[in-house]
Amino acid sequence: MAILEKDIESACCKLAKAAGWLTYKFVSVNNRGVPDRLFIKEGVTVYVEFKAPNKRPTALQLKVHGEIRAHGAEVHVIDDIQAFQRIFKC
């Protein structure tokens, strides 16, 4: 059975919350392509786009990620729980 994006996102959010991260679903009305989640801890904000294993962001998502990074923010595309754990140290 294939692992779904929502399952990866849910598991990662649980890990992050247990490690003290504040997490929000990121929805920006009239702005498509924004990352799925915001994670905040100790003054650091990290954006995450969750994907099913081996799936890639759309061209629009990559453009928006680039815009966010150009303003100094961190954006990650996560398609497995272990990658999330390495980045977030949880």
N, C-alpha and C. Protein backbone atom coordinates (compact mmCIF):
# COMPACT_ATOMS: atom_id res chain seq x y z
N MET A 1 0.85 -1.19 0.00
CA MET A 1 0.00 0.00 0.00
C MET A 1 0.88 1.25 0.00
N ALA A 2 0.58 2.18 -0.85
CA ALA A 2 1.37 3.40 -0.99
C ALA A 2 1.15 4.34 0.20
N ILE A 3 2.20 5.02 0.56
CA ILE A 3 2.11 6.03 1.62
C ILE A 3 1.57 7.31 1.00
N LEU A 4 0.59 7.89 1.64
CA LEU A 4 -0.04 9.11 1.13
C LEU A 4 0.61 10.36 1.72
N GLU A 5 0.54 11.44 0.97
CA GLU A 5 1.07 12.73 1.43
C GLU A 5 0.48 13.11 2.79
N LYS A 6 -0.83 12.94 2.94
CA LYS A 6 -1.48 13.34 4.19
C LYS A 6 -0.96 12.54 5.38
N ASP A 7 -0.57 11.28 5.15
CA ASP A 7 -0.03 10.46 6.23
C ASP A 7 1.35 10.93 6.65
N ILE A 8 2.16 11.30 5.68
CA ILE A 8 3.49 11.84 5.99
C ILE A 8 3.35 13.16 6.74
N GLU A 9 2.48 14.03 6.24
CA GLU A 9 2.26 15.34 6.88
C GLU A 9 1.78 15.17 8.32
N SER A 10 0.82 14.29 8.54
CA SER A 10 0.27 14.06 9.87
C SER A 10 1.34 13.54 10.83
N ALA A 11 2.11 12.54 10.40
CA ALA A 11 3.15 11.97 11.25
C ALA A 11 4.22 13.01 11.58
N CYS A 12 4.60 13.81 10.60
CA CYS A 12 5.64 14.82 10.82
C CYS A 12 5.14 15.92 11.77
N CYS A 13 3.89 16.29 11.64
CA CYS A 13 3.34 17.31 12.55
C CYS A 13 3.32 16.80 13.98
N LYS A 14 2.99 15.55 14.17
CA LYS A 14 3.01 14.96 15.52
C LYS A 14 4.41 14.97 16.10
N LEU A 15 5.39 14.58 15.30
CA LEU A 15 6.79 14.61 15.75
C LEU A 15 7.23 16.02 16.10
N ALA A 16 6.88 16.97 15.24
CA ALA A 16 7.28 18.36 15.46
C ALA A 16 6.66 18.92 16.75
N LYS A 17 5.38 18.67 16.95
CA LYS A 17 4.71 19.16 18.16
C LYS A 17 5.34 18.56 19.41
N ALA A 18 5.68 17.27 19.36
CA ALA A 18 6.33 16.62 20.51
C ALA A 18 7.71 17.22 20.79
N ALA A 19 8.35 17.76 19.75
CA ALA A 19 9.66 18.38 19.90
C ALA A 19 9.58 19.88 20.18
N GLY A 20 8.37 20.39 20.39
CA GLY A 20 8.20 21.79 20.78
C GLY A 20 7.98 22.76 19.64
N TRP A 21 7.77 22.27 18.42
CA TRP A 21 7.49 23.15 17.30
C TRP A 21 6.02 23.53 17.28
N LEU A 22 5.73 24.78 16.99
CA LEU A 22 4.38 25.25 16.73
C LEU A 22 4.14 24.99 15.24
N THR A 23 3.01 24.43 14.89
CA THR A 23 2.76 24.11 13.48
C THR A 23 1.40 24.63 13.04
N TYR A 24 1.40 25.19 11.85
CA TYR A 24 0.16 25.71 11.25
C TYR A 24 0.03 25.21 9.83
N LYS A 25 -1.19 24.91 9.44
CA LYS A 25 -1.49 24.65 8.03
C LYS A 25 -1.46 26.01 7.36
N PHE A 26 -0.71 26.13 6.27
CA PHE A 26 -0.55 27.42 5.59
C PHE A 26 -1.51 27.48 4.41
N VAL A 27 -2.49 28.37 4.52
CA VAL A 27 -3.44 28.61 3.45
C VAL A 27 -3.42 30.10 3.18
N SER A 28 -3.12 30.47 1.95
CA SER A 28 -3.06 31.87 1.58
C SER A 28 -4.09 32.10 0.47
N VAL A 29 -5.19 32.74 0.82
CA VAL A 29 -6.28 32.95 -0.11
C VAL A 29 -5.77 33.71 -1.34
N ASN A 30 -6.13 33.22 -2.50
CA ASN A 30 -5.75 33.81 -3.79
C ASN A 30 -4.26 33.73 -4.10
N ASN A 31 -3.52 32.91 -3.35
CA ASN A 31 -2.09 32.71 -3.60
C ASN A 31 -1.83 31.21 -3.68
N ARG A 32 -1.95 30.67 -4.86
CA ARG A 32 -1.71 29.24 -5.04
C ARG A 32 -0.21 28.96 -5.00
N GLY A 33 0.13 27.74 -4.68
CA GLY A 33 1.53 27.33 -4.71
C GLY A 33 2.29 27.50 -3.42
N VAL A 34 1.62 28.01 -2.37
CA VAL A 34 2.33 28.20 -1.10
C VAL A 34 2.58 26.84 -0.44
N PRO A 35 3.63 26.73 0.37
CA PRO A 35 3.90 25.46 1.07
C PRO A 35 2.74 25.05 1.98
N ASP A 36 2.71 23.76 2.31
CA ASP A 36 1.62 23.21 3.10
C ASP A 36 1.60 23.68 4.55
N ARG A 37 2.77 23.79 5.16
CA ARG A 37 2.85 24.03 6.61
C ARG A 37 3.92 25.04 6.98
N LEU A 38 3.67 25.68 8.12
CA LEU A 38 4.65 26.54 8.80
C LEU A 38 5.02 25.87 10.10
N PHE A 39 6.30 25.84 10.41
CA PHE A 39 6.79 25.32 11.68
C PHE A 39 7.59 26.43 12.34
N ILE A 40 7.29 26.70 13.61
CA ILE A 40 7.93 27.81 14.32
C ILE A 40 8.46 27.31 15.66
N LYS A 41 9.73 27.66 15.93
CA LYS A 41 10.33 27.30 17.21
C LYS A 41 11.51 28.22 17.48
N GLU A 42 11.53 28.79 18.68
CA GLU A 42 12.66 29.60 19.13
C GLU A 42 13.07 30.67 18.12
N GLY A 43 12.09 31.35 17.55
CA GLY A 43 12.36 32.44 16.62
C GLY A 43 12.65 32.02 15.19
N VAL A 44 12.59 30.73 14.90
CA VAL A 44 12.86 30.22 13.56
C VAL A 44 11.54 29.78 12.93
N THR A 45 11.31 30.19 11.69
CA THR A 45 10.14 29.77 10.94
C THR A 45 10.61 28.99 9.72
N VAL A 46 10.04 27.81 9.54
CA VAL A 46 10.40 26.94 8.42
C VAL A 46 9.12 26.57 7.69
N TYR A 47 9.16 26.67 6.37
CA TYR A 47 8.04 26.29 5.52
C TYR A 47 8.29 24.89 4.98
N VAL A 48 7.24 24.07 4.90
CA VAL A 48 7.39 22.72 4.37
C VAL A 48 6.28 22.42 3.37
N GLU A 49 6.70 21.91 2.23
CA GLU A 49 5.79 21.37 1.23
C GLU A 49 5.88 19.86 1.35
N PHE A 50 4.79 19.22 1.71
CA PHE A 50 4.76 17.76 1.82
C PHE A 50 4.35 17.15 0.50
N LYS A 51 4.97 16.02 0.17
CA LYS A 51 4.67 15.28 -1.04
C LYS A 51 4.64 13.79 -0.72
N ALA A 52 3.90 13.04 -1.52
CA ALA A 52 3.97 11.58 -1.44
C ALA A 52 5.36 11.17 -1.90
N PRO A 53 5.82 9.99 -1.50
CA PRO A 53 7.16 9.55 -1.90
C PRO A 53 7.38 9.65 -3.42
N ASN A 54 8.52 10.24 -3.77
CA ASN A 54 8.95 10.38 -5.16
C ASN A 54 8.09 11.32 -6.00
N LYS A 55 7.23 12.09 -5.37
CA LYS A 55 6.46 13.12 -6.10
C LYS A 55 7.23 14.44 -6.00
N ARG A 56 7.05 15.30 -6.96
CA ARG A 56 7.79 16.56 -7.03
C ARG A 56 6.84 17.75 -7.01
N PRO A 57 7.32 18.91 -6.53
CA PRO A 57 6.48 20.11 -6.54
C PRO A 57 6.15 20.54 -7.98
N THR A 58 5.04 21.22 -8.12
CA THR A 58 4.67 21.78 -9.42
C THR A 58 5.57 22.97 -9.75
N ALA A 59 5.54 23.40 -10.98
CA ALA A 59 6.32 24.58 -11.40
C ALA A 59 5.91 25.80 -10.57
N LEU A 60 4.63 25.96 -10.33
CA LEU A 60 4.16 27.09 -9.52
C LEU A 60 4.69 27.00 -8.10
N GLN A 61 4.64 25.82 -7.51
CA GLN A 61 5.16 25.65 -6.15
C GLN A 61 6.65 25.98 -6.10
N LEU A 62 7.41 25.52 -7.07
CA LEU A 62 8.85 25.82 -7.11
C LEU A 62 9.10 27.32 -7.22
N LYS A 63 8.28 28.00 -8.02
CA LYS A 63 8.40 29.47 -8.15
C LYS A 63 8.15 30.15 -6.81
N VAL A 64 7.07 29.75 -6.15
CA VAL A 64 6.73 30.36 -4.85
C VAL A 64 7.81 30.04 -3.81
N HIS A 65 8.31 28.80 -3.80
CA HIS A 65 9.39 28.43 -2.87
C HIS A 65 10.59 29.32 -3.10
N GLY A 66 10.92 29.58 -4.36
CA GLY A 66 12.04 30.45 -4.69
C GLY A 66 11.83 31.87 -4.20
N GLU A 67 10.62 32.37 -4.33
CA GLU A 67 10.31 33.72 -3.83
C GLU A 67 10.47 33.79 -2.32
N ILE A 68 10.01 32.77 -1.63
CA ILE A 68 10.12 32.73 -0.17
C ILE A 68 11.60 32.67 0.23
N ARG A 69 12.36 31.82 -0.43
CA ARG A 69 13.80 31.71 -0.14
C ARG A 69 14.54 33.01 -0.45
N ALA A 70 14.12 33.71 -1.49
CA ALA A 70 14.75 34.98 -1.86
C ALA A 70 14.60 36.02 -0.76
N HIS A 71 13.61 35.83 0.10
CA HIS A 71 13.40 36.73 1.23
C HIS A 71 14.03 36.18 2.51
N GLY A 72 14.86 35.17 2.37
CA GLY A 72 15.64 34.69 3.50
C GLY A 72 15.02 33.59 4.33
N ALA A 73 13.89 33.06 3.89
CA ALA A 73 13.22 32.01 4.67
C ALA A 73 13.63 30.63 4.17
N GLU A 74 13.45 29.67 5.03
CA GLU A 74 13.80 28.28 4.75
C GLU A 74 12.57 27.53 4.26
N VAL A 75 12.70 26.82 3.14
CA VAL A 75 11.62 26.01 2.58
C VAL A 75 12.17 24.63 2.28
N HIS A 76 11.44 23.59 2.70
CA HIS A 76 11.84 22.22 2.41
C HIS A 76 10.69 21.48 1.75
N VAL A 77 11.03 20.58 0.84
CA VAL A 77 10.07 19.66 0.25
C VAL A 77 10.35 18.31 0.89
N ILE A 78 9.36 17.76 1.56
CA ILE A 78 9.53 16.53 2.34
C ILE A 78 8.63 15.44 1.77
N ASP A 79 9.24 14.28 1.44
CA ASP A 79 8.44 13.16 0.97
C ASP A 79 8.65 11.89 1.80
N ASP A 80 9.35 12.04 2.92
CA ASP A 80 9.45 10.91 3.86
C ASP A 80 9.73 11.41 5.27
N ILE A 81 9.28 10.64 6.22
CA ILE A 81 9.36 11.04 7.63
C ILE A 81 10.81 11.16 8.11
N GLN A 82 11.68 10.29 7.64
CA GLN A 82 13.09 10.33 8.08
C GLN A 82 13.77 11.62 7.66
N ALA A 83 13.47 12.12 6.48
CA ALA A 83 14.03 13.40 6.04
C ALA A 83 13.57 14.52 6.95
N PHE A 84 12.31 14.50 7.33
CA PHE A 84 11.78 15.49 8.25
C PHE A 84 12.52 15.43 9.59
N GLN A 85 12.69 14.23 10.10
CA GLN A 85 13.38 14.05 11.39
C GLN A 85 14.81 14.59 11.33
N ARG A 86 15.51 14.38 10.22
CA ARG A 86 16.87 14.89 10.10
C ARG A 86 16.89 16.42 10.10
N ILE A 87 15.99 17.03 9.38
CA ILE A 87 15.95 18.50 9.26
C ILE A 87 15.51 19.14 10.57
N PHE A 88 14.50 18.58 11.19
CA PHE A 88 13.91 19.18 12.39
C PHE A 88 14.46 18.62 13.70
N LYS A 89 15.37 17.69 13.61
CA LYS A 89 16.02 17.13 14.80
C LYS A 89 15.00 16.57 15.79
N CYS A 90 14.04 15.79 15.27
CA CYS A 90 13.03 15.21 16.16
C CYS A 90 12.74 13.78 15.76
